[in-house]
């Protein structure tokens, strides 16, 4: 399935996400804006309290929303 950036932005509204977890297209994504790399791909069972700890290691984490998008797109060519 081809995933377009426009669809990605509209469905998960990442422009407006501040500090929350979202499930989209089979992935669990989050932002924790006070972390150095706020954009994260998580295990589906991750809980907010654990991911806000700076010691938590997500599946992947990114400095920018654009980097997160590139990661997601790489799986949906």
PDB file of N, CA and C in Angstrom:
ATOM      1  N   UNK A   1       0.834  -1.181   0.000  1.00  0.00           N
ATOM      2  CA  UNK A   1       0.000   0.000   0.000  1.00  0.00           C
ATOM      3  C   UNK A   1       0.880   1.245   0.000  1.00  0.00           C
ATOM      4  N   UNK A   2       0.593   2.164  -0.872  1.00  0.00           N
ATOM      5  CA  UNK A   2       1.355   3.406  -0.943  1.00  0.00           C
ATOM      6  C   UNK A   2       0.789   4.401   0.072  1.00  0.00           C
ATOM      7  N   UNK A   3       1.658   4.950   0.868  1.00  0.00           N
ATOM      8  CA  UNK A   3       1.257   5.916   1.880  1.00  0.00           C
ATOM      9  C   UNK A   3       1.783   7.285   1.468  1.00  0.00           C
ATOM     10  N   UNK A   4       0.881   8.243   1.346  1.00  0.00           N
ATOM     11  CA  UNK A   4       1.265   9.591   0.965  1.00  0.00           C
ATOM     12  C   UNK A   4       1.451  10.463   2.194  1.00  0.00           C
ATOM     13  N   UNK A   5       2.399  11.378   2.122  1.00  0.00           N
ATOM     14  CA  UNK A   5       2.672  12.266   3.247  1.00  0.00           C
ATOM     15  C   UNK A   5       1.428  13.075   3.628  1.00  0.00           C
ATOM     16  N   UNK A   6       0.687  13.533   2.634  1.00  0.00           N
ATOM     17  CA  UNK A   6      -0.523  14.305   2.908  1.00  0.00           C
ATOM     18  C   UNK A   6      -1.498  13.482   3.755  1.00  0.00           C
ATOM     19  N   UNK A   7      -1.694  12.214   3.385  1.00  0.00           N
ATOM     20  CA  UNK A   7      -2.580  11.337   4.149  1.00  0.00           C
ATOM     21  C   UNK A   7      -2.064  11.147   5.568  1.00  0.00           C
ATOM     22  N   UNK A   8      -0.757  10.942   5.666  1.00  0.00           N
ATOM     23  CA  UNK A   8      -0.110  10.777   6.957  1.00  0.00           C
ATOM     24  C   UNK A   8      -0.387  11.985   7.847  1.00  0.00           C
ATOM     25  N   UNK A   9      -0.171  13.183   7.318  1.00  0.00           N
ATOM     26  CA  UNK A   9      -0.377  14.404   8.087  1.00  0.00           C
ATOM     27  C   UNK A   9      -1.839  14.588   8.479  1.00  0.00           C
ATOM     28  N   UNK A  10      -2.741  14.309   7.569  1.00  0.00           N
ATOM     29  CA  UNK A  10      -4.161  14.493   7.859  1.00  0.00           C
ATOM     30  C   UNK A  10      -4.679  13.483   8.875  1.00  0.00           C
ATOM     31  N   UNK A  11      -4.274  12.237   8.716  1.00  0.00           N
ATOM     32  CA  UNK A  11      -4.797  11.188   9.587  1.00  0.00           C
ATOM     33  C   UNK A  11      -4.295  11.326  11.016  1.00  0.00           C
ATOM     34  N   UNK A  12      -3.012  11.527  11.183  1.00  0.00           N
ATOM     35  CA  UNK A  12      -2.481  11.571  12.550  1.00  0.00           C
ATOM     36  C   UNK A  12      -2.330  12.990  13.075  1.00  0.00           C
ATOM     37  N   UNK A  13      -2.493  13.978  12.212  1.00  0.00           N
ATOM     38  CA  UNK A  13      -2.416  15.382  12.611  1.00  0.00           C
ATOM     39  C   UNK A  13      -1.161  15.694  13.401  1.00  0.00           C
ATOM     40  N   UNK A  14      -0.033  15.249  12.881  1.00  0.00           N
ATOM     41  CA  UNK A  14       1.220  15.446  13.593  1.00  0.00           C
ATOM     42  C   UNK A  14       1.589  16.913  13.738  1.00  0.00           C
ATOM     43  N   UNK A  15       1.006  17.753  12.911  1.00  0.00           N
ATOM     44  CA  UNK A  15       1.265  19.186  13.069  1.00  0.00           C
ATOM     45  C   UNK A  15       0.777  19.673  14.428  1.00  0.00           C
ATOM     46  N   UNK A  16      -0.217  18.999  14.985  1.00  0.00           N
ATOM     47  CA  UNK A  16      -0.866  19.461  16.200  1.00  0.00           C
ATOM     48  C   UNK A  16      -0.591  18.590  17.422  1.00  0.00           C
ATOM     49  N   UNK A  17       0.230  17.573  17.274  1.00  0.00           N
ATOM     50  CA  UNK A  17       0.464  16.669  18.395  1.00  0.00           C
ATOM     51  C   UNK A  17       1.483  17.254  19.343  1.00  0.00           C
ATOM     52  N   UNK A  18       1.132  17.294  20.573  1.00  0.00           N
ATOM     53  CA  UNK A  18       2.060  17.686  21.623  1.00  0.00           C
ATOM     54  C   UNK A  18       1.919  16.681  22.747  1.00  0.00           C
ATOM     55  N   UNK A  19       2.950  15.892  22.916  1.00  0.00           N
ATOM     56  CA  UNK A  19       3.035  14.988  24.051  1.00  0.00           C
ATOM     57  C   UNK A  19       1.872  13.997  24.137  1.00  0.00           C
ATOM     58  N   UNK A  20       1.816  13.113  23.162  1.00  0.00           N
ATOM     59  CA  UNK A  20       0.826  12.049  23.225  1.00  0.00           C
ATOM     60  C   UNK A  20       1.229  10.886  22.338  1.00  0.00           C
ATOM     61  N   UNK A  21       0.504   9.787  22.491  1.00  0.00           N
ATOM     62  CA  UNK A  21       0.726   8.557  21.723  1.00  0.00           C
ATOM     63  C   UNK A  21      -0.416   8.415  20.716  1.00  0.00           C
ATOM     64  N   UNK A  22      -0.070   7.997  19.490  1.00  0.00           N
ATOM     65  CA  UNK A  22      -1.055   7.788  18.427  1.00  0.00           C
ATOM     66  C   UNK A  22      -0.794   6.440  17.765  1.00  0.00           C
ATOM     67  N   UNK A  23      -1.845   5.752  17.392  1.00  0.00           N
ATOM     68  CA  UNK A  23      -1.716   4.544  16.579  1.00  0.00           C
ATOM     69  C   UNK A  23      -2.161   4.914  15.175  1.00  0.00           C
ATOM     70  N   UNK A  24      -1.301   4.648  14.207  1.00  0.00           N
ATOM     71  CA  UNK A  24      -1.601   4.960  12.814  1.00  0.00           C
ATOM     72  C   UNK A  24      -0.973   3.921  11.901  1.00  0.00           C
ATOM     73  N   UNK A  25      -1.766   3.375  11.001  1.00  0.00           N
ATOM     74  CA  UNK A  25      -1.280   2.459   9.969  1.00  0.00           C
ATOM     75  C   UNK A  25      -0.481   1.301  10.560  1.00  0.00           C
ATOM     76  N   UNK A  26      -0.941   0.798  11.711  1.00  0.00           N
ATOM     77  CA  UNK A  26      -0.277  -0.330  12.357  1.00  0.00           C
ATOM     78  C   UNK A  26       0.948   0.039  13.169  1.00  0.00           C
ATOM     79  N   UNK A  27       1.233   1.327  13.280  1.00  0.00           N
ATOM     80  CA  UNK A  27       2.394   1.782  14.035  1.00  0.00           C
ATOM     81  C   UNK A  27       1.938   2.584  15.247  1.00  0.00           C
ATOM     82  N   UNK A  28       2.733   2.530  16.302  1.00  0.00           N
ATOM     83  CA  UNK A  28       2.476   3.348  17.471  1.00  0.00           C
ATOM     84  C   UNK A  28       3.522   4.455  17.478  1.00  0.00           C
ATOM     85  N   UNK A  29       3.044   5.695  17.402  1.00  0.00           N
ATOM     86  CA  UNK A  29       3.908   6.869  17.305  1.00  0.00           C
ATOM     87  C   UNK A  29       3.657   7.774  18.498  1.00  0.00           C
ATOM     88  N   UNK A  30       4.650   8.566  18.843  1.00  0.00           N
ATOM     89  CA  UNK A  30       4.479   9.501  19.952  1.00  0.00           C
ATOM     90  C   UNK A  30       5.385  10.706  19.782  1.00  0.00           C
ATOM     91  N   UNK A  31       5.029  11.751  20.500  1.00  0.00           N
ATOM     92  CA  UNK A  31       5.919  12.892  20.666  1.00  0.00           C
ATOM     93  C   UNK A  31       6.054  13.168  22.150  1.00  0.00           C
ATOM     94  N   UNK A  32       7.270  13.431  22.544  1.00  0.00           N
ATOM     95  CA  UNK A  32       7.575  13.877  23.900  1.00  0.00           C
ATOM     96  C   UNK A  32       8.463  15.102  23.685  1.00  0.00           C
ATOM     97  N   UNK A  33       7.853  16.255  23.661  1.00  0.00           N
ATOM     98  CA  UNK A  33       8.524  17.463  23.184  1.00  0.00           C
ATOM     99  C   UNK A  33       9.703  17.916  24.041  1.00  0.00           C
ATOM    100  N   UNK A  34       9.797  17.468  25.274  1.00  0.00           N
ATOM    101  CA  UNK A  34      10.940  17.885  26.087  1.00  0.00           C
ATOM    102  C   UNK A  34      12.145  16.965  25.943  1.00  0.00           C
ATOM    103  N   UNK A  35      12.054  15.927  25.096  1.00  0.00           N
ATOM    104  CA  UNK A  35      13.195  15.063  24.798  1.00  0.00           C
ATOM    105  C   UNK A  35      13.995  15.648  23.643  1.00  0.00           C
ATOM    106  N   UNK A  36      15.284  15.311  23.576  1.00  0.00           N
ATOM    107  CA  UNK A  36      16.127  15.780  22.472  1.00  0.00           C
ATOM    108  C   UNK A  36      15.627  15.282  21.122  1.00  0.00           C
ATOM    109  N   UNK A  37      15.146  14.046  21.082  1.00  0.00           N
ATOM    110  CA  UNK A  37      14.548  13.456  19.877  1.00  0.00           C
ATOM    111  C   UNK A  37      13.081  13.165  20.195  1.00  0.00           C
ATOM    112  N   UNK A  38      12.204  14.141  19.998  1.00  0.00           N
ATOM    113  CA  UNK A  38      10.830  14.021  20.468  1.00  0.00           C
ATOM    114  C   UNK A  38       9.931  13.068  19.681  1.00  0.00           C
ATOM    115  N   UNK A  39      10.228  12.796  18.433  1.00  0.00           N
ATOM    116  CA  UNK A  39       9.371  11.953  17.592  1.00  0.00           C
ATOM    117  C   UNK A  39       9.803  10.501  17.723  1.00  0.00           C
ATOM    118  N   UNK A  40       8.862   9.610  18.068  1.00  0.00           N
ATOM    119  CA  UNK A  40       9.215   8.234  18.408  1.00  0.00           C
ATOM    120  C   UNK A  40       8.304   7.213  17.744  1.00  0.00           C
ATOM    121  N   UNK A  41       8.883   6.056  17.461  1.00  0.00           N
ATOM    122  CA  UNK A  41       8.129   4.871  17.057  1.00  0.00           C
ATOM    123  C   UNK A  41       8.247   3.924  18.234  1.00  0.00           C
ATOM    124  N   UNK A  42       7.101   3.443  18.724  1.00  0.00           N
ATOM    125  CA  UNK A  42       7.059   2.679  19.968  1.00  0.00           C
ATOM    126  C   UNK A  42       6.580   1.256  19.772  1.00  0.00           C
ATOM    127  N   UNK A  43       6.862   0.433  20.759  1.00  0.00           N
ATOM    128  CA  UNK A  43       6.234  -0.870  20.892  1.00  0.00           C
ATOM    129  C   UNK A  43       4.749  -0.607  21.133  1.00  0.00           C
ATOM    130  N   UNK A  44       3.882  -1.424  20.587  1.00  0.00           N
ATOM    131  CA  UNK A  44       2.436  -1.165  20.696  1.00  0.00           C
ATOM    132  C   UNK A  44       1.929  -1.155  22.132  1.00  0.00           C
ATOM    133  N   UNK A  45       2.663  -1.731  23.063  1.00  0.00           N
ATOM    134  CA  UNK A  45       2.225  -1.769  24.459  1.00  0.00           C
ATOM    135  C   UNK A  45       2.831  -0.660  25.315  1.00  0.00           C
ATOM    136  N   UNK A  46       3.541   0.257  24.703  1.00  0.00           N
ATOM    137  CA  UNK A  46       4.204   1.325  25.463  1.00  0.00           C
ATOM    138  C   UNK A  46       3.175   2.207  26.161  1.00  0.00           C
ATOM    139  N   UNK A  47       3.507   2.622  27.347  1.00  0.00           N
ATOM    140  CA  UNK A  47       2.648   3.490  28.159  1.00  0.00           C
ATOM    141  C   UNK A  47       3.300   4.864  28.288  1.00  0.00           C
ATOM    142  N   UNK A  48       2.475   5.883  28.394  1.00  0.00           N
ATOM    143  CA  UNK A  48       2.955   7.255  28.461  1.00  0.00           C
ATOM    144  C   UNK A  48       3.980   7.450  29.575  1.00  0.00           C
ATOM    145  N   UNK A  49       3.691   6.948  30.762  1.00  0.00           N
ATOM    146  CA  UNK A  49       4.603   7.145  31.898  1.00  0.00           C
ATOM    147  C   UNK A  49       5.994   6.582  31.631  1.00  0.00           C
ATOM    148  N   UNK A  50       6.077   5.469  30.923  1.00  0.00           N
ATOM    149  CA  UNK A  50       7.392   4.896  30.661  1.00  0.00           C
ATOM    150  C   UNK A  50       8.129   5.625  29.538  1.00  0.00           C
ATOM    151  N   UNK A  51       7.423   6.074  28.505  1.00  0.00           N
ATOM    152  CA  UNK A  51       8.133   6.709  27.390  1.00  0.00           C
ATOM    153  C   UNK A  51       8.617   8.117  27.725  1.00  0.00           C
ATOM    154  N   UNK A  52       8.044   8.738  28.731  1.00  0.00           N
ATOM    155  CA  UNK A  52       8.503  10.076  29.098  1.00  0.00           C
ATOM    156  C   UNK A  52       9.810  10.055  29.872  1.00  0.00           C
ATOM    157  N   UNK A  53      10.192   8.895  30.367  1.00  0.00           N
ATOM    158  CA  UNK A  53      11.480   8.749  31.051  1.00  0.00           C
ATOM    159  C   UNK A  53      12.586   8.813  29.995  1.00  0.00           C
ATOM    160  N   UNK A  54      13.563   9.660  30.195  1.00  0.00           N
ATOM    161  CA  UNK A  54      14.643   9.826  29.209  1.00  0.00           C
ATOM    162  C   UNK A  54      15.448   8.543  29.001  1.00  0.00           C
ATOM    163  N   UNK A  55      15.376   7.610  29.923  1.00  0.00           N
ATOM    164  CA  UNK A  55      16.106   6.346  29.788  1.00  0.00           C
ATOM    165  C   UNK A  55      15.367   5.352  28.883  1.00  0.00           C
ATOM    166  N   UNK A  56      14.107   5.595  28.575  1.00  0.00           N
ATOM    167  CA  UNK A  56      13.318   4.709  27.727  1.00  0.00           C
ATOM    168  C   UNK A  56      13.908   4.655  26.318  1.00  0.00           C
ATOM    169  N   UNK A  57      14.001   3.464  25.756  1.00  0.00           N
ATOM    170  CA  UNK A  57      14.533   3.270  24.405  1.00  0.00           C
ATOM    171  C   UNK A  57      13.399   2.813  23.478  1.00  0.00           C
ATOM    172  N   UNK A  58      12.914   3.695  22.616  1.00  0.00           N
ATOM    173  CA  UNK A  58      11.869   3.318  21.668  1.00  0.00           C
ATOM    174  C   UNK A  58      12.438   2.476  20.519  1.00  0.00           C
ATOM    175  N   UNK A  59      11.586   1.999  19.648  1.00  0.00           N
ATOM    176  CA  UNK A  59      12.036   1.271  18.461  1.00  0.00           C
ATOM    177  C   UNK A  59      12.909   2.194  17.613  1.00  0.00           C
ATOM    178  N   UNK A  60      12.473   3.428  17.464  1.00  0.00           N
ATOM    179  CA  UNK A  60      13.238   4.442  16.729  1.00  0.00           C
ATOM    180  C   UNK A  60      12.820   5.808  17.257  1.00  0.00           C
ATOM    181  N   UNK A  61      13.738   6.779  17.170  1.00  0.00           N
ATOM    182  CA  UNK A  61      13.401   8.131  17.588  1.00  0.00           C
ATOM    183  C   UNK A  61      14.079   9.127  16.651  1.00  0.00           C
ATOM    184  N   UNK A  62      13.453  10.284  16.502  1.00  0.00           N
ATOM    185  CA  UNK A  62      13.895  11.245  15.513  1.00  0.00           C
ATOM    186  C   UNK A  62      13.819  12.658  16.064  1.00  0.00           C
ATOM    187  N   UNK A  63      14.705  13.488  15.551  1.00  0.00           N
ATOM    188  CA  UNK A  63      14.727  14.888  15.952  1.00  0.00           C
ATOM    189  C   UNK A  63      13.557  15.659  15.330  1.00  0.00           C
ATOM    190  N   UNK A  64      13.237  15.322  14.077  1.00  0.00           N
ATOM    191  CA  UNK A  64      12.194  16.078  13.383  1.00  0.00           C
ATOM    192  C   UNK A  64      11.068  15.184  12.880  1.00  0.00           C
ATOM    193  N   UNK A  65       9.940  15.802  12.656  1.00  0.00           N
ATOM    194  CA  UNK A  65       8.784  15.108  12.093  1.00  0.00           C
ATOM    195  C   UNK A  65       9.121  14.609  10.692  1.00  0.00           C
ATOM    196  N   UNK A  66       9.886  15.379   9.951  1.00  0.00           N
ATOM    197  CA  UNK A  66      10.285  14.980   8.597  1.00  0.00           C
ATOM    198  C   UNK A  66      11.118  13.694   8.628  1.00  0.00           C
ATOM    199  N   UNK A  67      12.020  13.577   9.591  1.00  0.00           N
ATOM    200  CA  UNK A  67      12.818  12.353   9.725  1.00  0.00           C
ATOM    201  C   UNK A  67      11.935  11.160  10.067  1.00  0.00           C
ATOM    202  N   UNK A  68      10.938  11.374  10.918  1.00  0.00           N
ATOM    203  CA  UNK A  68       9.978  10.313  11.233  1.00  0.00           C
ATOM    204  C   UNK A  68       9.238   9.890   9.970  1.00  0.00           C
ATOM    205  N   UNK A  69       8.795  10.864   9.183  1.00  0.00           N
ATOM    206  CA  UNK A  69       8.092  10.548   7.943  1.00  0.00           C
ATOM    207  C   UNK A  69       8.964   9.722   7.008  1.00  0.00           C
ATOM    208  N   UNK A  70      10.233  10.091   6.847  1.00  0.00           N
ATOM    209  CA  UNK A  70      11.145   9.345   5.974  1.00  0.00           C
ATOM    210  C   UNK A  70      11.275   7.895   6.441  1.00  0.00           C
ATOM    211  N   UNK A  71      11.342   7.680   7.732  1.00  0.00           N
ATOM    212  CA  UNK A  71      11.423   6.334   8.303  1.00  0.00           C
ATOM    213  C   UNK A  71      10.157   5.547   7.953  1.00  0.00           C
ATOM    214  N   UNK A  72       9.001   6.133   8.153  1.00  0.00           N
ATOM    215  CA  UNK A  72       7.733   5.460   7.856  1.00  0.00           C
ATOM    216  C   UNK A  72       7.646   5.170   6.370  1.00  0.00           C
ATOM    217  N   UNK A  73       7.991   6.131   5.555  1.00  0.00           N
ATOM    218  CA  UNK A  73       7.913   5.952   4.108  1.00  0.00           C
ATOM    219  C   UNK A  73       8.812   4.829   3.614  1.00  0.00           C
ATOM    220  N   UNK A  74       9.958   4.631   4.267  1.00  0.00           N
ATOM    221  CA  UNK A  74      10.882   3.586   3.842  1.00  0.00           C
ATOM    222  C   UNK A  74      10.264   2.191   3.945  1.00  0.00           C
ATOM    223  N   UNK A  75       9.245   2.028   4.777  1.00  0.00           N
ATOM    224  CA  UNK A  75       8.572   0.747   4.922  1.00  0.00           C
ATOM    225  C   UNK A  75       7.368   0.627   4.001  1.00  0.00           C
ATOM    226  N   UNK A  76       6.980   1.709   3.340  1.00  0.00           N
ATOM    227  CA  UNK A  76       5.773   1.735   2.531  1.00  0.00           C
ATOM    228  C   UNK A  76       6.043   2.199   1.110  1.00  0.00           C
ATOM    229  N   UNK A  77       7.044   1.636   0.478  1.00  0.00           N
ATOM    230  CA  UNK A  77       7.376   2.044  -0.900  1.00  0.00           C
ATOM    231  C   UNK A  77       6.460   1.377  -1.886  1.00  0.00           C
TER     232      UNK A  77
END
